[in-house]
PDB file of N, CA and C in Angstrom:
ATOM      1  N   UNK A   1      -9.255 -27.194  24.315  1.00  0.00           N
ATOM      2  CA  UNK A   1      -8.041 -26.762  23.012  1.00  0.00           C
ATOM      3  C   UNK A   1      -9.347 -25.479  22.658  1.00  0.00           C
ATOM      4  N   UNK A   2      -7.854 -24.918  22.509  1.00  0.00           N
ATOM      5  CA  UNK A   2      -8.312 -23.489  21.675  1.00  0.00           C
ATOM      6  C   UNK A   2      -8.766 -23.960  20.272  1.00  0.00           C
ATOM      7  N   UNK A   3     -10.135 -23.457  19.241  1.00  0.00           N
ATOM      8  CA  UNK A   3      -9.877 -23.569  18.143  1.00  0.00           C
ATOM      9  C   UNK A   3      -8.838 -23.039  16.799  1.00  0.00           C
ATOM     10  N   UNK A   4      -9.023 -23.195  15.821  1.00  0.00           N
ATOM     11  CA  UNK A   4      -8.111 -22.670  14.665  1.00  0.00           C
ATOM     12  C   UNK A   4      -8.010 -21.622  14.256  1.00  0.00           C
ATOM     13  N   UNK A   5      -9.366 -21.299  14.371  1.00  0.00           N
ATOM     14  CA  UNK A   5     -10.208 -19.620  13.944  1.00  0.00           C
ATOM     15  C   UNK A   5      -8.965 -18.246  15.419  1.00  0.00           C
ATOM     16  N   UNK A   6     -10.128 -19.175  16.805  1.00  0.00           N
ATOM     17  CA  UNK A   6      -9.208 -18.262  17.634  1.00  0.00           C
ATOM     18  C   UNK A   6      -7.686 -18.377  17.880  1.00  0.00           C
ATOM     19  N   UNK A   7      -7.360 -18.882  17.713  1.00  0.00           N
ATOM     20  CA  UNK A   7      -5.297 -18.795  17.855  1.00  0.00           C
ATOM     21  C   UNK A   7      -4.895 -17.948  16.588  1.00  0.00           C
ATOM     22  N   UNK A   8      -5.472 -18.456  15.257  1.00  0.00           N
ATOM     23  CA  UNK A   8      -5.070 -17.046  14.563  1.00  0.00           C
ATOM     24  C   UNK A   8      -5.331 -15.893  14.668  1.00  0.00           C
ATOM     25  N   UNK A   9      -6.691 -15.304  14.834  1.00  0.00           N
ATOM     26  CA  UNK A   9      -7.119 -13.979  15.367  1.00  0.00           C
ATOM     27  C   UNK A   9      -5.674 -13.734  17.102  1.00  0.00           C
ATOM     28  N   UNK A  10      -5.752 -14.453  17.823  1.00  0.00           N
ATOM     29  CA  UNK A  10      -4.605 -14.476  18.801  1.00  0.00           C
ATOM     30  C   UNK A  10      -3.044 -14.318  17.899  1.00  0.00           C
ATOM     31  N   UNK A  11      -2.785 -14.765  16.998  1.00  0.00           N
ATOM     32  CA  UNK A  11      -1.464 -14.509  16.236  1.00  0.00           C
ATOM     33  C   UNK A  11      -1.161 -13.548  15.582  1.00  0.00           C
ATOM     34  N   UNK A  12      -2.397 -12.879  15.086  1.00  0.00           N
ATOM     35  CA  UNK A  12      -2.703 -11.815  14.554  1.00  0.00           C
ATOM     36  C   UNK A  12      -2.689 -10.692  15.377  1.00  0.00           C
ATOM     37  N   UNK A  13      -3.284 -10.068  16.087  1.00  0.00           N
ATOM     38  CA  UNK A  13      -3.314  -9.570  17.304  1.00  0.00           C
ATOM     39  C   UNK A  13      -2.062  -9.239  17.848  1.00  0.00           C
ATOM     40  N   UNK A  14      -1.505 -10.394  18.434  1.00  0.00           N
ATOM     41  CA  UNK A  14      -0.189 -10.270  18.843  1.00  0.00           C
ATOM     42  C   UNK A  14       0.981  -9.158  17.921  1.00  0.00           C
ATOM     43  N   UNK A  15       1.294  -9.942  16.674  1.00  0.00           N
ATOM     44  CA  UNK A  15       1.739  -9.202  15.572  1.00  0.00           C
ATOM     45  C   UNK A  15       1.860  -7.632  15.277  1.00  0.00           C
ATOM     46  N   UNK A  16      -0.115  -7.476  15.417  1.00  0.00           N
ATOM     47  CA  UNK A  16      -0.079  -6.618  15.144  1.00  0.00           C
ATOM     48  C   UNK A  16       0.095  -5.276  16.147  1.00  0.00           C
ATOM     49  N   UNK A  17      -0.114  -5.831  17.698  1.00  0.00           N
ATOM     50  CA  UNK A  17       0.443  -4.703  18.649  1.00  0.00           C
ATOM     51  C   UNK A  17       2.382  -4.991  18.762  1.00  0.00           C
ATOM     52  N   UNK A  18       2.930  -5.829  18.663  1.00  0.00           N
ATOM     53  CA  UNK A  18       4.094  -6.070  18.085  1.00  0.00           C
ATOM     54  C   UNK A  18       4.553  -5.013  17.140  1.00  0.00           C
ATOM     55  N   UNK A  19       4.148  -4.708  15.828  1.00  0.00           N
ATOM     56  CA  UNK A  19       4.403  -4.270  15.179  1.00  0.00           C
ATOM     57  C   UNK A  19       4.492  -2.493  15.191  1.00  0.00           C
ATOM     58  N   UNK A  20       3.492  -2.205  15.774  1.00  0.00           N
ATOM     59  CA  UNK A  20       2.460  -1.046  16.198  1.00  0.00           C
ATOM     60  C   UNK A  20       3.817  -0.251  17.020  1.00  0.00           C
ATOM     61  N   UNK A  21       3.904  -0.619  18.017  1.00  0.00           N
ATOM     62  CA  UNK A  21       5.319  -0.536  19.457  1.00  0.00           C
ATOM     63  C   UNK A  21       6.161  -0.501  18.892  1.00  0.00           C
ATOM     64  N   UNK A  22       6.503  -1.447  17.199  1.00  0.00           N
ATOM     65  CA  UNK A  22       8.120  -1.143  16.916  1.00  0.00           C
ATOM     66  C   UNK A  22       8.148   0.122  16.534  1.00  0.00           C
ATOM     67  N   UNK A  23       7.237   0.749  15.543  1.00  0.00           N
ATOM     68  CA  UNK A  23       7.036   2.111  14.955  1.00  0.00           C
ATOM     69  C   UNK A  23       7.210   3.133  16.142  1.00  0.00           C
ATOM     70  N   UNK A  24       7.058   3.174  16.825  1.00  0.00           N
ATOM     71  CA  UNK A  24       6.663   4.474  18.323  1.00  0.00           C
ATOM     72  C   UNK A  24       8.009   5.626  18.071  1.00  0.00           C
ATOM     73  N   UNK A  25       9.550   4.315  18.051  1.00  0.00           N
ATOM     74  CA  UNK A  25      10.724   5.709  18.308  1.00  0.00           C
ATOM     75  C   UNK A  25      10.840   6.288  16.444  1.00  0.00           C
ATOM     76  N   UNK A  26       9.902   5.632  15.326  1.00  0.00           N
ATOM     77  CA  UNK A  26      10.649   6.037  14.214  1.00  0.00           C
ATOM     78  C   UNK A  26      10.170   7.337  13.323  1.00  0.00           C
ATOM     79  N   UNK A  27      11.073   7.857  12.606  1.00  0.00           N
ATOM     80  CA  UNK A  27      10.735   9.357  12.293  1.00  0.00           C
ATOM     81  C   UNK A  27       9.629   9.036  11.369  1.00  0.00           C
ATOM     82  N   UNK A  28       9.341  10.371  10.771  1.00  0.00           N
ATOM     83  CA  UNK A  28       7.216   9.937   9.816  1.00  0.00           C
ATOM     84  C   UNK A  28       7.951   9.731   8.919  1.00  0.00           C
ATOM     85  N   UNK A  29       9.766   9.904   8.480  1.00  0.00           N
ATOM     86  CA  UNK A  29       9.474   9.238   7.229  1.00  0.00           C
ATOM     87  C   UNK A  29      10.107   7.816   7.114  1.00  0.00           C
ATOM     88  N   UNK A  30      10.802   7.106   7.979  1.00  0.00           N
ATOM     89  CA  UNK A  30      10.458   5.667   8.271  1.00  0.00           C
ATOM     90  C   UNK A  30       9.095   4.977   8.714  1.00  0.00           C
ATOM     91  N   UNK A  31       8.205   5.642   8.621  1.00  0.00           N
ATOM     92  CA  UNK A  31       6.424   5.101   8.973  1.00  0.00           C
ATOM     93  C   UNK A  31       6.989   5.015   7.932  1.00  0.00           C
ATOM     94  N   UNK A  32       6.351   6.463   6.627  1.00  0.00           N
ATOM     95  CA  UNK A  32       5.785   6.483   4.826  1.00  0.00           C
ATOM     96  C   UNK A  32       6.983   5.325   4.963  1.00  0.00           C
ATOM     97  N   UNK A  33       8.023   5.020   4.580  1.00  0.00           N
ATOM     98  CA  UNK A  33       8.508   3.907   4.121  1.00  0.00           C
ATOM     99  C   UNK A  33       8.184   2.801   4.231  1.00  0.00           C
ATOM    100  N   UNK A  34       7.686   2.431   5.800  1.00  0.00           N
ATOM    101  CA  UNK A  34       6.932   1.081   5.876  1.00  0.00           C
ATOM    102  C   UNK A  34       5.737   1.484   5.867  1.00  0.00           C
ATOM    103  N   UNK A  35       5.242   1.947   5.832  1.00  0.00           N
ATOM    104  CA  UNK A  35       3.624   1.767   5.378  1.00  0.00           C
ATOM    105  C   UNK A  35       3.778   1.720   3.496  1.00  0.00           C
ATOM    106  N   UNK A  36       4.449   2.346   3.036  1.00  0.00           N
ATOM    107  CA  UNK A  36       4.719   2.070   1.799  1.00  0.00           C
ATOM    108  C   UNK A  36       5.209   0.589   1.225  1.00  0.00           C
ATOM    109  N   UNK A  37       6.112   0.311   2.043  1.00  0.00           N
ATOM    110  CA  UNK A  37       6.243  -1.472   1.447  1.00  0.00           C
ATOM    111  C   UNK A  37       5.146  -1.680   2.224  1.00  0.00           C
ATOM    112  N   UNK A  38       4.695  -2.099   3.199  1.00  0.00           N
ATOM    113  CA  UNK A  38       3.754  -2.841   3.575  1.00  0.00           C
ATOM    114  C   UNK A  38       2.800  -3.094   2.658  1.00  0.00           C
ATOM    115  N   UNK A  39       1.807  -1.511   2.557  1.00  0.00           N
ATOM    116  CA  UNK A  39       0.740  -1.853   1.354  1.00  0.00           C
ATOM    117  C   UNK A  39       1.071  -2.199  -0.492  1.00  0.00           C
ATOM    118  N   UNK A  40       2.475  -1.947  -0.342  1.00  0.00           N
ATOM    119  CA  UNK A  40       3.154  -2.210  -1.645  1.00  0.00           C
ATOM    120  C   UNK A  40       3.345  -4.346  -2.048  1.00  0.00           C
ATOM    121  N   UNK A  41       3.310  -4.821  -0.432  1.00  0.00           N
ATOM    122  CA  UNK A  41       3.212  -6.525  -0.526  1.00  0.00           C
ATOM    123  C   UNK A  41       2.066  -6.786  -0.588  1.00  0.00           C
ATOM    124  N   UNK A  42       1.215  -5.824   0.314  1.00  0.00           N
ATOM    125  CA  UNK A  42       0.000  -6.587   0.861  1.00  0.00           C
ATOM    126  C   UNK A  42      -0.359  -6.669  -1.258  1.00  0.00           C
ATOM    127  N   UNK A  43      -0.571  -5.486  -1.459  1.00  0.00           N
ATOM    128  CA  UNK A  43      -0.559  -5.422  -3.593  1.00  0.00           C
ATOM    129  C   UNK A  43      -0.113  -6.440  -4.248  1.00  0.00           C
ATOM    130  N   UNK A  44       1.241  -6.636  -4.018  1.00  0.00           N
ATOM    131  CA  UNK A  44       1.366  -7.279  -4.971  1.00  0.00           C
ATOM    132  C   UNK A  44       0.955  -8.742  -4.638  1.00  0.00           C
ATOM    133  N   UNK A  45       1.303  -9.357  -3.496  1.00  0.00           N
ATOM    134  CA  UNK A  45       0.124 -10.719  -3.045  1.00  0.00           C
ATOM    135  C   UNK A  45      -0.922 -10.898  -3.536  1.00  0.00           C
ATOM    136  N   UNK A  46      -1.652 -10.105  -3.508  1.00  0.00           N
ATOM    137  CA  UNK A  46      -3.012 -10.150  -3.429  1.00  0.00           C
ATOM    138  C   UNK A  46      -3.209  -9.951  -5.308  1.00  0.00           C
ATOM    139  N   UNK A  47      -2.601  -9.175  -5.924  1.00  0.00           N
ATOM    140  CA  UNK A  47      -2.638  -9.170  -7.369  1.00  0.00           C
ATOM    141  C   UNK A  47      -1.891 -10.225  -8.325  1.00  0.00           C
ATOM    142  N   UNK A  48      -0.829 -11.375  -7.281  1.00  0.00           N
ATOM    143  CA  UNK A  48      -0.364 -12.364  -7.772  1.00  0.00           C
ATOM    144  C   UNK A  48      -1.050 -13.931  -7.496  1.00  0.00           C
ATOM    145  N   UNK A  49      -1.555 -13.507  -6.527  1.00  0.00           N
ATOM    146  CA  UNK A  49      -1.939 -15.198  -6.096  1.00  0.00           C
ATOM    147  C   UNK A  49      -1.317 -15.199  -4.845  1.00  0.00           C
ATOM    148  N   UNK A  50       0.197 -14.608  -4.509  1.00  0.00           N
ATOM    149  CA  UNK A  50       0.621 -15.057  -3.150  1.00  0.00           C
ATOM    150  C   UNK A  50       1.875 -15.344  -3.826  1.00  0.00           C
ATOM    151  N   UNK A  51       2.109 -15.280  -5.562  1.00  0.00           N
ATOM    152  CA  UNK A  51       3.493 -15.116  -5.202  1.00  0.00           C
ATOM    153  C   UNK A  51       4.503 -14.333  -4.911  1.00  0.00           C
ATOM    154  N   UNK A  52       5.529 -15.419  -4.138  1.00  0.00           N
ATOM    155  CA  UNK A  52       6.528 -14.895  -3.751  1.00  0.00           C
ATOM    156  C   UNK A  52       7.179 -13.850  -4.277  1.00  0.00           C
ATOM    157  N   UNK A  53       7.823 -13.190  -5.152  1.00  0.00           N
ATOM    158  CA  UNK A  53       8.628 -12.627  -5.889  1.00  0.00           C
ATOM    159  C   UNK A  53       7.610 -10.883  -6.345  1.00  0.00           C
ATOM    160  N   UNK A  54       6.208 -11.515  -6.628  1.00  0.00           N
ATOM    161  CA  UNK A  54       5.337 -10.419  -6.474  1.00  0.00           C
ATOM    162  C   UNK A  54       5.687  -9.397  -4.975  1.00  0.00           C
ATOM    163  N   UNK A  55       5.325 -10.159  -4.211  1.00  0.00           N
ATOM    164  CA  UNK A  55       5.092  -9.819  -2.902  1.00  0.00           C
ATOM    165  C   UNK A  55       6.777  -9.099  -2.335  1.00  0.00           C
ATOM    166  N   UNK A  56       7.425  -9.513  -2.929  1.00  0.00           N
ATOM    167  CA  UNK A  56       8.998  -8.539  -2.496  1.00  0.00           C
ATOM    168  C   UNK A  56       9.057  -7.541  -2.896  1.00  0.00           C
ATOM    169  N   UNK A  57       8.716  -7.347  -4.584  1.00  0.00           N
ATOM    170  CA  UNK A  57       9.210  -6.399  -5.500  1.00  0.00           C
ATOM    171  C   UNK A  57       7.699  -5.378  -5.347  1.00  0.00           C
ATOM    172  N   UNK A  58       6.395  -6.530  -4.381  1.00  0.00           N
ATOM    173  CA  UNK A  58       5.974  -4.469  -4.329  1.00  0.00           C
ATOM    174  C   UNK A  58       5.706  -3.936  -3.064  1.00  0.00           C
ATOM    175  N   UNK A  59       6.735  -4.522  -2.429  1.00  0.00           N
ATOM    176  CA  UNK A  59       7.394  -4.260  -1.288  1.00  0.00           C
ATOM    177  C   UNK A  59       8.468  -3.616  -1.622  1.00  0.00           C
ATOM    178  N   UNK A  60       9.027  -3.223  -2.829  1.00  0.00           N
ATOM    179  CA  UNK A  60      10.458  -2.199  -2.240  1.00  0.00           C
ATOM    180  C   UNK A  60       9.412  -1.639  -3.055  1.00  0.00           C
ATOM    181  N   UNK A  61       8.801  -1.559  -4.057  1.00  0.00           N
ATOM    182  CA  UNK A  61       8.196  -0.401  -4.976  1.00  0.00           C
ATOM    183  C   UNK A  61       7.560   0.504  -3.972  1.00  0.00           C
ATOM    184  N   UNK A  62       6.861   0.012  -3.113  1.00  0.00           N
ATOM    185  CA  UNK A  62       5.841   0.577  -2.135  1.00  0.00           C
ATOM    186  C   UNK A  62       6.447   1.852  -0.938  1.00  0.00           C
ATOM    187  N   UNK A  63       7.978   0.563  -0.956  1.00  0.00           N
ATOM    188  CA  UNK A  63       8.466   1.481  -0.137  1.00  0.00           C
ATOM    189  C   UNK A  63       9.555   2.830  -0.150  1.00  0.00           C
ATOM    190  N   UNK A  64      10.020   2.376  -1.632  1.00  0.00           N
ATOM    191  CA  UNK A  64      10.436   3.267  -2.462  1.00  0.00           C
ATOM    192  C   UNK A  64       9.847   4.767  -2.782  1.00  0.00           C
ATOM    193  N   UNK A  65       8.342   4.686  -3.194  1.00  0.00           N
ATOM    194  CA  UNK A  65       7.586   5.085  -3.441  1.00  0.00           C
ATOM    195  C   UNK A  65       7.365   6.208  -2.206  1.00  0.00           C
ATOM    196  N   UNK A  66       6.933   5.099  -0.935  1.00  0.00           N
ATOM    197  CA  UNK A  66       6.736   5.691   0.856  1.00  0.00           C
ATOM    198  C   UNK A  66       7.775   6.673   1.182  1.00  0.00           C
ATOM    199  N   UNK A  67       9.156   6.370   0.645  1.00  0.00           N
ATOM    200  CA  UNK A  67      10.362   7.282   0.553  1.00  0.00           C
ATOM    201  C   UNK A  67      10.182   8.818  -0.225  1.00  0.00           C
ATOM    202  N   UNK A  68       9.475   8.858  -1.550  1.00  0.00           N
ATOM    203  CA  UNK A  68       9.800   9.515  -2.103  1.00  0.00           C
ATOM    204  C   UNK A  68       8.740  10.565  -2.182  1.00  0.00           C
ATOM    205  N   UNK A  69       7.453   9.992  -1.455  1.00  0.00           N
ATOM    206  CA  UNK A  69       6.323  10.927  -1.139  1.00  0.00           C
ATOM    207  C   UNK A  69       7.035  11.799   0.108  1.00  0.00           C
ATOM    208  N   UNK A  70       7.820  11.444   1.765  1.00  0.00           N
ATOM    209  CA  UNK A  70       8.073  11.590   2.704  1.00  0.00           C
ATOM    210  C   UNK A  70       9.125  12.497   2.264  1.00  0.00           C
ATOM    211  N   UNK A  71       9.771  12.244   1.509  1.00  0.00           N
ATOM    212  CA  UNK A  71      10.760  13.723   1.024  1.00  0.00           C
ATOM    213  C   UNK A  71       9.982  14.673  -0.181  1.00  0.00           C
ATOM    214  N   UNK A  72       9.078  14.309  -0.686  1.00  0.00           N
ATOM    215  CA  UNK A  72       8.673  15.344  -1.087  1.00  0.00           C
ATOM    216  C   UNK A  72       7.587  16.810   0.202  1.00  0.00           C
ATOM    217  N   UNK A  73       6.916  15.785   0.992  1.00  0.00           N
ATOM    218  CA  UNK A  73       6.528  16.530   1.981  1.00  0.00           C
ATOM    219  C   UNK A  73       7.559  17.424   2.936  1.00  0.00           C
ATOM    220  N   UNK A  74       8.616  16.977   3.167  1.00  0.00           N
ATOM    221  CA  UNK A  74       9.483  17.610   3.254  1.00  0.00           C
ATOM    222  C   UNK A  74      10.434  18.833   2.370  1.00  0.00           C
ATOM    223  N   UNK A  75       9.958  19.185   1.254  1.00  0.00           N
ATOM    224  CA  UNK A  75      10.722  19.838   0.452  1.00  0.00           C
ATOM    225  C   UNK A  75       9.542  21.782   0.627  1.00  0.00           C
ATOM    226  N   UNK A  76       8.242  20.922   0.863  1.00  0.00           N
ATOM    227  CA  UNK A  76       6.700  21.872   0.840  1.00  0.00           C
ATOM    228  C   UNK A  76       7.215  22.860   1.918  1.00  0.00           C
ATOM    229  N   UNK A  77       7.705  22.481   2.774  1.00  0.00           N
ATOM    230  CA  UNK A  77       7.932  22.488   3.988  1.00  0.00           C
ATOM    231  C   UNK A  77       8.690  23.926   4.481  1.00  0.00           C
TER     232      UNK A  77
END
């Protein structure tokens, strides 16, 4: 039998590979939004000990920040 730790590592690796392959067709703008949302969700979860509302709120705020950062980069060009 596979140990729980090894099974968890396999699941995380599979999820990471699926996530990265899904980003292949995204524009830079979309990638910035997704990265911002991911960082915001992780930050919200860490700061509140896993509160669902804070995780979703962090994802929303992070997505908006990622969107605005990429928008500003396009203006500079």
